[in-house]
Amino acid sequence: MRSTLVFDAATKIANRFLLASTVMRATRKLHIPSTRTEDTVNKVFSSVAEGNPVHASLPEVLPPPVIDELITTSL
């Protein structure tokens, strides 16, 4: 059964790595401790297969803060 869900979800997200990481992240956020993890994963695959994409803008990438020189003292 899960192979069918994976195949259906793969039609929406063709990159297998991206599909796996998306499903893992969604499973972590949506999992309820009193339910089986397998059921949550199946629901996530079904949701991806139905495919209602959310277009969101990414935050602006800021440059890293400047690191001051390391001052060492001799003993």
PDB file of N, CA and C in Angstrom:
ATOM      1  N   MET A   1       0.821  -1.181   0.000  1.00  0.00           N
ATOM      2  CA  MET A   1       0.000   0.000   0.000  1.00  0.00           C
ATOM      3  C   MET A   1       0.874   1.258   0.000  1.00  0.00           C
ATOM      4  N   ARG A   2       1.929   1.258   0.817  1.00  0.00           N
ATOM      5  CA  ARG A   2       2.751   2.459   0.881  1.00  0.00           C
ATOM      6  C   ARG A   2       3.454   2.718  -0.439  1.00  0.00           C
ATOM      7  N   SER A   3       3.814   1.675  -1.179  1.00  0.00           N
ATOM      8  CA  SER A   3       4.485   1.891  -2.459  1.00  0.00           C
ATOM      9  C   SER A   3       3.585   2.673  -3.414  1.00  0.00           C
ATOM     10  N   THR A   4       2.295   2.440  -3.350  1.00  0.00           N
ATOM     11  CA  THR A   4       1.355   3.210  -4.169  1.00  0.00           C
ATOM     12  C   THR A   4       1.335   4.668  -3.724  1.00  0.00           C
ATOM     13  N   LEU A   5       1.359   4.890  -2.420  1.00  0.00           N
ATOM     14  CA  LEU A   5       1.375   6.261  -1.907  1.00  0.00           C
ATOM     15  C   LEU A   5       2.661   6.975  -2.305  1.00  0.00           C
ATOM     16  N   VAL A   6       3.780   6.265  -2.229  1.00  0.00           N
ATOM     17  CA  VAL A   6       5.058   6.873  -2.618  1.00  0.00           C
ATOM     18  C   VAL A   6       5.048   7.196  -4.101  1.00  0.00           C
ATOM     19  N   PHE A   7       4.554   6.293  -4.921  1.00  0.00           N
ATOM     20  CA  PHE A   7       4.495   6.539  -6.360  1.00  0.00           C
ATOM     21  C   PHE A   7       3.615   7.744  -6.675  1.00  0.00           C
ATOM     22  N   ASP A   8       2.465   7.838  -6.020  1.00  0.00           N
ATOM     23  CA  ASP A   8       1.575   8.974  -6.250  1.00  0.00           C
ATOM     24  C   ASP A   8       2.210  10.288  -5.800  1.00  0.00           C
ATOM     25  N   ALA A   9       2.908  10.263  -4.670  1.00  0.00           N
ATOM     26  CA  ALA A   9       3.571  11.472  -4.172  1.00  0.00           C
ATOM     27  C   ALA A   9       4.745  11.854  -5.066  1.00  0.00           C
ATOM     28  N   ALA A  10       5.397  10.860  -5.656  1.00  0.00           N
ATOM     29  CA  ALA A  10       6.541  11.132  -6.530  1.00  0.00           C
ATOM     30  C   ALA A  10       6.117  11.839  -7.816  1.00  0.00           C
ATOM     31  N   THR A  11       4.848  11.771  -8.160  1.00  0.00           N
ATOM     32  CA  THR A  11       4.394  12.514  -9.343  1.00  0.00           C
ATOM     33  C   THR A  11       4.339  14.014  -9.056  1.00  0.00           C
ATOM     34  N   LYS A  12       4.242  14.381  -7.772  1.00  0.00           N
ATOM     35  CA  LYS A  12       4.219  15.802  -7.386  1.00  0.00           C
ATOM     36  C   LYS A  12       5.614  16.323  -7.083  1.00  0.00           C
ATOM     37  N   ILE A  13       6.451  15.495  -6.424  1.00  0.00           N
ATOM     38  CA  ILE A  13       7.827  15.870  -6.101  1.00  0.00           C
ATOM     39  C   ILE A  13       8.726  14.822  -6.738  1.00  0.00           C
ATOM     40  N   ALA A  14       9.329  15.173  -7.860  1.00  0.00           N
ATOM     41  CA  ALA A  14      10.087  14.195  -8.628  1.00  0.00           C
ATOM     42  C   ALA A  14      11.423  13.833  -7.985  1.00  0.00           C
ATOM     43  N   ASN A  15      12.037  14.755  -7.291  1.00  0.00           N
ATOM     44  CA  ASN A  15      13.322  14.501  -6.655  1.00  0.00           C
ATOM     45  C   ASN A  15      13.106  13.620  -5.425  1.00  0.00           C
ATOM     46  N   ARG A  16      13.685  12.417  -5.433  1.00  0.00           N
ATOM     47  CA  ARG A  16      13.445  11.468  -4.348  1.00  0.00           C
ATOM     48  C   ARG A  16      13.978  11.964  -3.009  1.00  0.00           C
ATOM     49  N   PHE A  17      15.147  12.629  -3.026  1.00  0.00           N
ATOM     50  CA  PHE A  17      15.699  13.159  -1.780  1.00  0.00           C
ATOM     51  C   PHE A  17      14.795  14.236  -1.206  1.00  0.00           C
ATOM     52  N   LEU A  18      14.312  15.120  -2.057  1.00  0.00           N
ATOM     53  CA  LEU A  18      13.412  16.183  -1.600  1.00  0.00           C
ATOM     54  C   LEU A  18      12.104  15.601  -1.083  1.00  0.00           C
ATOM     55  N   LEU A  19      11.593  14.579  -1.748  1.00  0.00           N
ATOM     56  CA  LEU A  19      10.371  13.924  -1.291  1.00  0.00           C
ATOM     57  C   LEU A  19      10.577  13.298   0.083  1.00  0.00           C
ATOM     58  N   ALA A  20      11.678  12.582   0.258  1.00  0.00           N
ATOM     59  CA  ALA A  20      11.941  11.930   1.540  1.00  0.00           C
ATOM     60  C   ALA A  20      12.117  12.947   2.659  1.00  0.00           C
ATOM     61  N   SER A  21      12.866  14.016   2.403  1.00  0.00           N
ATOM     62  CA  SER A  21      13.082  15.012   3.456  1.00  0.00           C
ATOM     63  C   SER A  21      11.792  15.767   3.772  1.00  0.00           C
ATOM     64  N   THR A  22      10.971  16.019   2.764  1.00  0.00           N
ATOM     65  CA  THR A  22       9.693  16.687   2.993  1.00  0.00           C
ATOM     66  C   THR A  22       8.775  15.824   3.852  1.00  0.00           C
ATOM     67  N   VAL A  23       8.714  14.550   3.530  1.00  0.00           N
ATOM     68  CA  VAL A  23       7.854  13.637   4.288  1.00  0.00           C
ATOM     69  C   VAL A  23       8.364  13.482   5.721  1.00  0.00           C
ATOM     70  N   MET A  24       9.691  13.417   5.891  1.00  0.00           N
ATOM     71  CA  MET A  24      10.238  13.291   7.248  1.00  0.00           C
ATOM     72  C   MET A  24       9.902  14.518   8.094  1.00  0.00           C
ATOM     73  N   ARG A  25      10.084  15.692   7.522  1.00  0.00           N
ATOM     74  CA  ARG A  25       9.794  16.919   8.275  1.00  0.00           C
ATOM     75  C   ARG A  25       8.312  17.029   8.623  1.00  0.00           C
ATOM     76  N   ALA A  26       7.466  16.722   7.662  1.00  0.00           N
ATOM     77  CA  ALA A  26       6.029  16.803   7.907  1.00  0.00           C
ATOM     78  C   ALA A  26       5.594  15.765   8.934  1.00  0.00           C
ATOM     79  N   THR A  27       6.181  14.587   8.884  1.00  0.00           N
ATOM     80  CA  THR A  27       5.832  13.545   9.844  1.00  0.00           C
ATOM     81  C   THR A  27       6.213  13.966  11.255  1.00  0.00           C
ATOM     82  N   ARG A  28       7.372  14.575  11.406  1.00  0.00           N
ATOM     83  CA  ARG A  28       7.789  15.037  12.734  1.00  0.00           C
ATOM     84  C   ARG A  28       6.825  16.080  13.286  1.00  0.00           C
ATOM     85  N   LYS A  29       6.346  16.972  12.414  1.00  0.00           N
ATOM     86  CA  LYS A  29       5.469  18.042  12.882  1.00  0.00           C
ATOM     87  C   LYS A  29       4.038  17.562  13.127  1.00  0.00           C
ATOM     88  N   LEU A  30       3.567  16.598  12.342  1.00  0.00           N
ATOM     89  CA  LEU A  30       2.169  16.185  12.412  1.00  0.00           C
ATOM     90  C   LEU A  30       1.917  14.968  13.295  1.00  0.00           C
ATOM     91  N   HIS A  31       2.979  14.301  13.727  1.00  0.00           N
ATOM     92  CA  HIS A  31       2.788  13.056  14.471  1.00  0.00           C
ATOM     93  C   HIS A  31       2.191  13.313  15.852  1.00  0.00           C
ATOM     94  N   ILE A  32       1.213  12.497  16.190  1.00  0.00           N
ATOM     95  CA  ILE A  32       0.583  12.521  17.509  1.00  0.00           C
ATOM     96  C   ILE A  32       1.087  11.283  18.245  1.00  0.00           C
ATOM     97  N   PRO A  33       1.661  11.447  19.450  1.00  0.00           N
ATOM     98  CA  PRO A  33       2.283  10.312  20.138  1.00  0.00           C
ATOM     99  C   PRO A  33       1.376   9.106  20.373  1.00  0.00           C
ATOM    100  N   SER A  34       0.091   9.292  20.475  1.00  0.00           N
ATOM    101  CA  SER A  34      -0.796   8.161  20.750  1.00  0.00           C
ATOM    102  C   SER A  34      -1.167   7.372  19.489  1.00  0.00           C
ATOM    103  N   THR A  35      -0.645   7.773  18.321  1.00  0.00           N
ATOM    104  CA  THR A  35      -0.938   7.060  17.074  1.00  0.00           C
ATOM    105  C   THR A  35       0.315   6.376  16.558  1.00  0.00           C
ATOM    106  N   ARG A  36       0.126   5.463  15.621  1.00  0.00           N
ATOM    107  CA  ARG A  36       1.266   4.777  15.022  1.00  0.00           C
ATOM    108  C   ARG A  36       1.975   5.718  14.054  1.00  0.00           C
ATOM    109  N   THR A  37       3.283   5.670  14.045  1.00  0.00           N
ATOM    110  CA  THR A  37       4.072   6.503  13.139  1.00  0.00           C
ATOM    111  C   THR A  37       3.763   6.145  11.686  1.00  0.00           C
ATOM    112  N   GLU A  38       3.524   4.881  11.425  1.00  0.00           N
ATOM    113  CA  GLU A  38       3.234   4.433  10.057  1.00  0.00           C
ATOM    114  C   GLU A  38       1.981   5.116   9.503  1.00  0.00           C
ATOM    115  N   ASP A  39       0.979   5.277  10.362  1.00  0.00           N
ATOM    116  CA  ASP A  39      -0.251   5.935   9.916  1.00  0.00           C
ATOM    117  C   ASP A  39      -0.002   7.402   9.583  1.00  0.00           C
ATOM    118  N   THR A  40       0.837   8.057  10.388  1.00  0.00           N
ATOM    119  CA  THR A  40       1.156   9.458  10.119  1.00  0.00           C
ATOM    120  C   THR A  40       1.907   9.594   8.803  1.00  0.00           C
ATOM    121  N   VAL A  41       2.860   8.697   8.555  1.00  0.00           N
ATOM    122  CA  VAL A  41       3.621   8.739   7.303  1.00  0.00           C
ATOM    123  C   VAL A  41       2.693   8.524   6.115  1.00  0.00           C
ATOM    124  N   ASN A  42       1.766   7.592   6.237  1.00  0.00           N
ATOM    125  CA  ASN A  42       0.817   7.344   5.146  1.00  0.00           C
ATOM    126  C   ASN A  42      -0.050   8.573   4.876  1.00  0.00           C
ATOM    127  N   LYS A  43      -0.472   9.262   5.933  1.00  0.00           N
ATOM    128  CA  LYS A  43      -1.272  10.475   5.753  1.00  0.00           C
ATOM    129  C   LYS A  43      -0.474  11.562   5.059  1.00  0.00           C
ATOM    130  N   VAL A  44       0.800  11.675   5.419  1.00  0.00           N
ATOM    131  CA  VAL A  44       1.656  12.689   4.793  1.00  0.00           C
ATOM    132  C   VAL A  44       1.847  12.381   3.313  1.00  0.00           C
ATOM    133  N   PHE A  45       2.113  11.115   2.981  1.00  0.00           N
ATOM    134  CA  PHE A  45       2.253  10.745   1.572  1.00  0.00           C
ATOM    135  C   PHE A  45       0.960  11.034   0.809  1.00  0.00           C
ATOM    136  N   SER A  46      -0.177  10.766   1.422  1.00  0.00           N
ATOM    137  CA  SER A  46      -1.462  11.047   0.771  1.00  0.00           C
ATOM    138  C   SER A  46      -1.645  12.540   0.547  1.00  0.00           C
ATOM    139  N   SER A  47      -1.264  13.338   1.533  1.00  0.00           N
ATOM    140  CA  SER A  47      -1.388  14.790   1.399  1.00  0.00           C
ATOM    141  C   SER A  47      -0.493  15.330   0.298  1.00  0.00           C
ATOM    142  N   VAL A  48       0.728  14.805   0.217  1.00  0.00           N
ATOM    143  CA  VAL A  48       1.639  15.242  -0.841  1.00  0.00           C
ATOM    144  C   VAL A  48       1.084  14.835  -2.203  1.00  0.00           C
ATOM    145  N   ALA A  49       0.524  13.627  -2.293  1.00  0.00           N
ATOM    146  CA  ALA A  49      -0.016  13.154  -3.563  1.00  0.00           C
ATOM    147  C   ALA A  49      -1.194  13.999  -4.031  1.00  0.00           C
ATOM    148  N   GLU A  50      -2.014  14.490  -3.072  1.00  0.00           N
ATOM    149  CA  GLU A  50      -3.139  15.361  -3.444  1.00  0.00           C
ATOM    150  C   GLU A  50      -2.633  16.694  -3.957  1.00  0.00           C
ATOM    151  N   GLY A  51      -1.526  17.141  -3.398  1.00  0.00           N
ATOM    152  CA  GLY A  51      -0.781  18.283  -3.918  1.00  0.00           C
ATOM    153  C   GLY A  51      -1.474  19.614  -3.908  1.00  0.00           C
ATOM    154  N   ASN A  52      -1.529  20.261  -2.791  1.00  0.00           N
ATOM    155  CA  ASN A  52      -1.947  21.646  -2.716  1.00  0.00           C
ATOM    156  C   ASN A  52      -0.715  22.461  -2.334  1.00  0.00           C
ATOM    157  N   PRO A  53       0.065  22.902  -3.325  1.00  0.00           N
ATOM    158  CA  PRO A  53       1.312  23.590  -3.002  1.00  0.00           C
ATOM    159  C   PRO A  53       1.069  24.938  -2.342  1.00  0.00           C
ATOM    160  N   VAL A  54       1.938  25.275  -1.439  1.00  0.00           N
ATOM    161  CA  VAL A  54       1.890  26.565  -0.767  1.00  0.00           C
ATOM    162  C   VAL A  54       3.097  27.355  -1.243  1.00  0.00           C
ATOM    163  N   HIS A  55       2.840  28.490  -1.851  1.00  0.00           N
ATOM    164  CA  HIS A  55       3.930  29.327  -2.330  1.00  0.00           C
ATOM    165  C   HIS A  55       4.274  30.320  -1.235  1.00  0.00           C
ATOM    166  N   ALA A  56       5.467  30.191  -0.743  1.00  0.00           N
ATOM    167  CA  ALA A  56       5.916  31.081   0.324  1.00  0.00           C
ATOM    168  C   ALA A  56       7.234  31.713  -0.084  1.00  0.00           C
ATOM    169  N   SER A  57       7.461  32.902   0.404  1.00  0.00           N
ATOM    170  CA  SER A  57       8.723  33.557   0.096  1.00  0.00           C
ATOM    171  C   SER A  57       9.743  33.186   1.165  1.00  0.00           C
ATOM    172  N   LEU A  58      10.966  32.985   0.723  1.00  0.00           N
ATOM    173  CA  LEU A  58      12.027  32.647   1.647  1.00  0.00           C
ATOM    174  C   LEU A  58      12.546  33.912   2.315  1.00  0.00           C
ATOM    175  N   PRO A  59      13.015  33.794   3.544  1.00  0.00           N
ATOM    176  CA  PRO A  59      13.554  34.982   4.204  1.00  0.00           C
ATOM    177  C   PRO A  59      14.848  35.427   3.531  1.00  0.00           C
ATOM    178  N   GLU A  60      15.168  36.697   3.676  1.00  0.00           N
ATOM    179  CA  GLU A  60      16.382  37.229   3.077  1.00  0.00           C
ATOM    180  C   GLU A  60      17.595  36.651   3.793  1.00  0.00           C
ATOM    181  N   VAL A  61      18.588  36.272   3.010  1.00  0.00           N
ATOM    182  CA  VAL A  61      19.801  35.699   3.580  1.00  0.00           C
ATOM    183  C   VAL A  61      20.704  36.839   4.022  1.00  0.00           C
ATOM    184  N   LEU A  62      21.044  36.837   5.301  1.00  0.00           N
ATOM    185  CA  LEU A  62      21.908  37.877   5.845  1.00  0.00           C
ATOM    186  C   LEU A  62      23.338  37.364   5.914  1.00  0.00           C
ATOM    187  N   PRO A  63      24.311  38.248   5.739  1.00  0.00           N
ATOM    188  CA  PRO A  63      25.701  37.787   5.854  1.00  0.00           C
ATOM    189  C   PRO A  63      26.003  37.415   7.303  1.00  0.00           C
ATOM    190  N   PRO A  64      26.937  36.496   7.500  1.00  0.00           N
ATOM    191  CA  PRO A  64      27.268  36.094   8.871  1.00  0.00           C
ATOM    192  C   PRO A  64      27.935  37.245   9.621  1.00  0.00           C
ATOM    193  N   PRO A  65      27.813  37.255  10.934  1.00  0.00           N
ATOM    194  CA  PRO A  65      28.445  38.334  11.698  1.00  0.00           C
ATOM    195  C   PRO A  65      29.969  38.254  11.605  1.00  0.00           C
ATOM    196  N   VAL A  66      30.601  39.390  11.737  1.00  0.00           N
ATOM    197  CA  VAL A  66      32.051  39.453  11.663  1.00  0.00           C
ATOM    198  C   VAL A  66      32.636  38.857  12.941  1.00  0.00           C
ATOM    199  N   ILE A  67      33.641  38.025  12.760  1.00  0.00           N
ATOM    200  CA  ILE A  67      34.301  37.417  13.910  1.00  0.00           C
ATOM    201  C   ILE A  67      35.578  38.209  14.173  1.00  0.00           C
ATOM    202  N   ASP A  68      35.700  38.720  15.384  1.00  0.00           N
ATOM    203  CA  ASP A  68      36.902  39.475  15.754  1.00  0.00           C
ATOM    204  C   ASP A  68      38.099  38.536  15.808  1.00  0.00           C
ATOM    205  N   GLU A  69      39.273  39.125  15.646  1.00  0.00           N
ATOM    206  CA  GLU A  69      40.488  38.324  15.712  1.00  0.00           C
ATOM    207  C   GLU A  69      40.630  37.714  17.097  1.00  0.00           C
ATOM    208  N   LEU A  70      41.143  36.524  17.118  1.00  0.00           N
ATOM    209  CA  LEU A  70      41.353  35.848  18.385  1.00  0.00           C
ATOM    210  C   LEU A  70      42.635  36.383  19.003  1.00  0.00           C
ATOM    211  N   ILE A  71      42.535  36.942  20.173  1.00  0.00           N
ATOM    212  CA  ILE A  71      43.689  37.493  20.856  1.00  0.00           C
ATOM    213  C   ILE A  71      44.153  36.465  21.869  1.00  0.00           C
ATOM    214  N   THR A  72      45.377  36.022  21.709  1.00  0.00           N
ATOM    215  CA  THR A  72      45.926  35.052  22.637  1.00  0.00           C
ATOM    216  C   THR A  72      47.042  35.703  23.439  1.00  0.00           C
ATOM    217  N   THR A  73      47.175  35.272  24.630  1.00  0.00           N
ATOM    218  CA  THR A  73      48.246  35.785  25.468  1.00  0.00           C
ATOM    219  C   THR A  73      49.231  34.653  25.749  1.00  0.00           C
ATOM    220  N   SER A  74      50.474  34.984  25.756  1.00  0.00           N
ATOM    221  CA  SER A  74      51.510  33.998  26.043  1.00  0.00           C
ATOM    222  C   SER A  74      51.684  33.884  27.538  1.00  0.00           C
ATOM    223  N   LEU A  75      51.867  32.695  27.982  1.00  0.00           N
ATOM    224  CA  LEU A  75      52.079  32.493  29.413  1.00  0.00           C
ATOM    225  C   LEU A  75      53.539  32.400  29.736  1.00  0.00           C
TER     226      LEU A  75
END
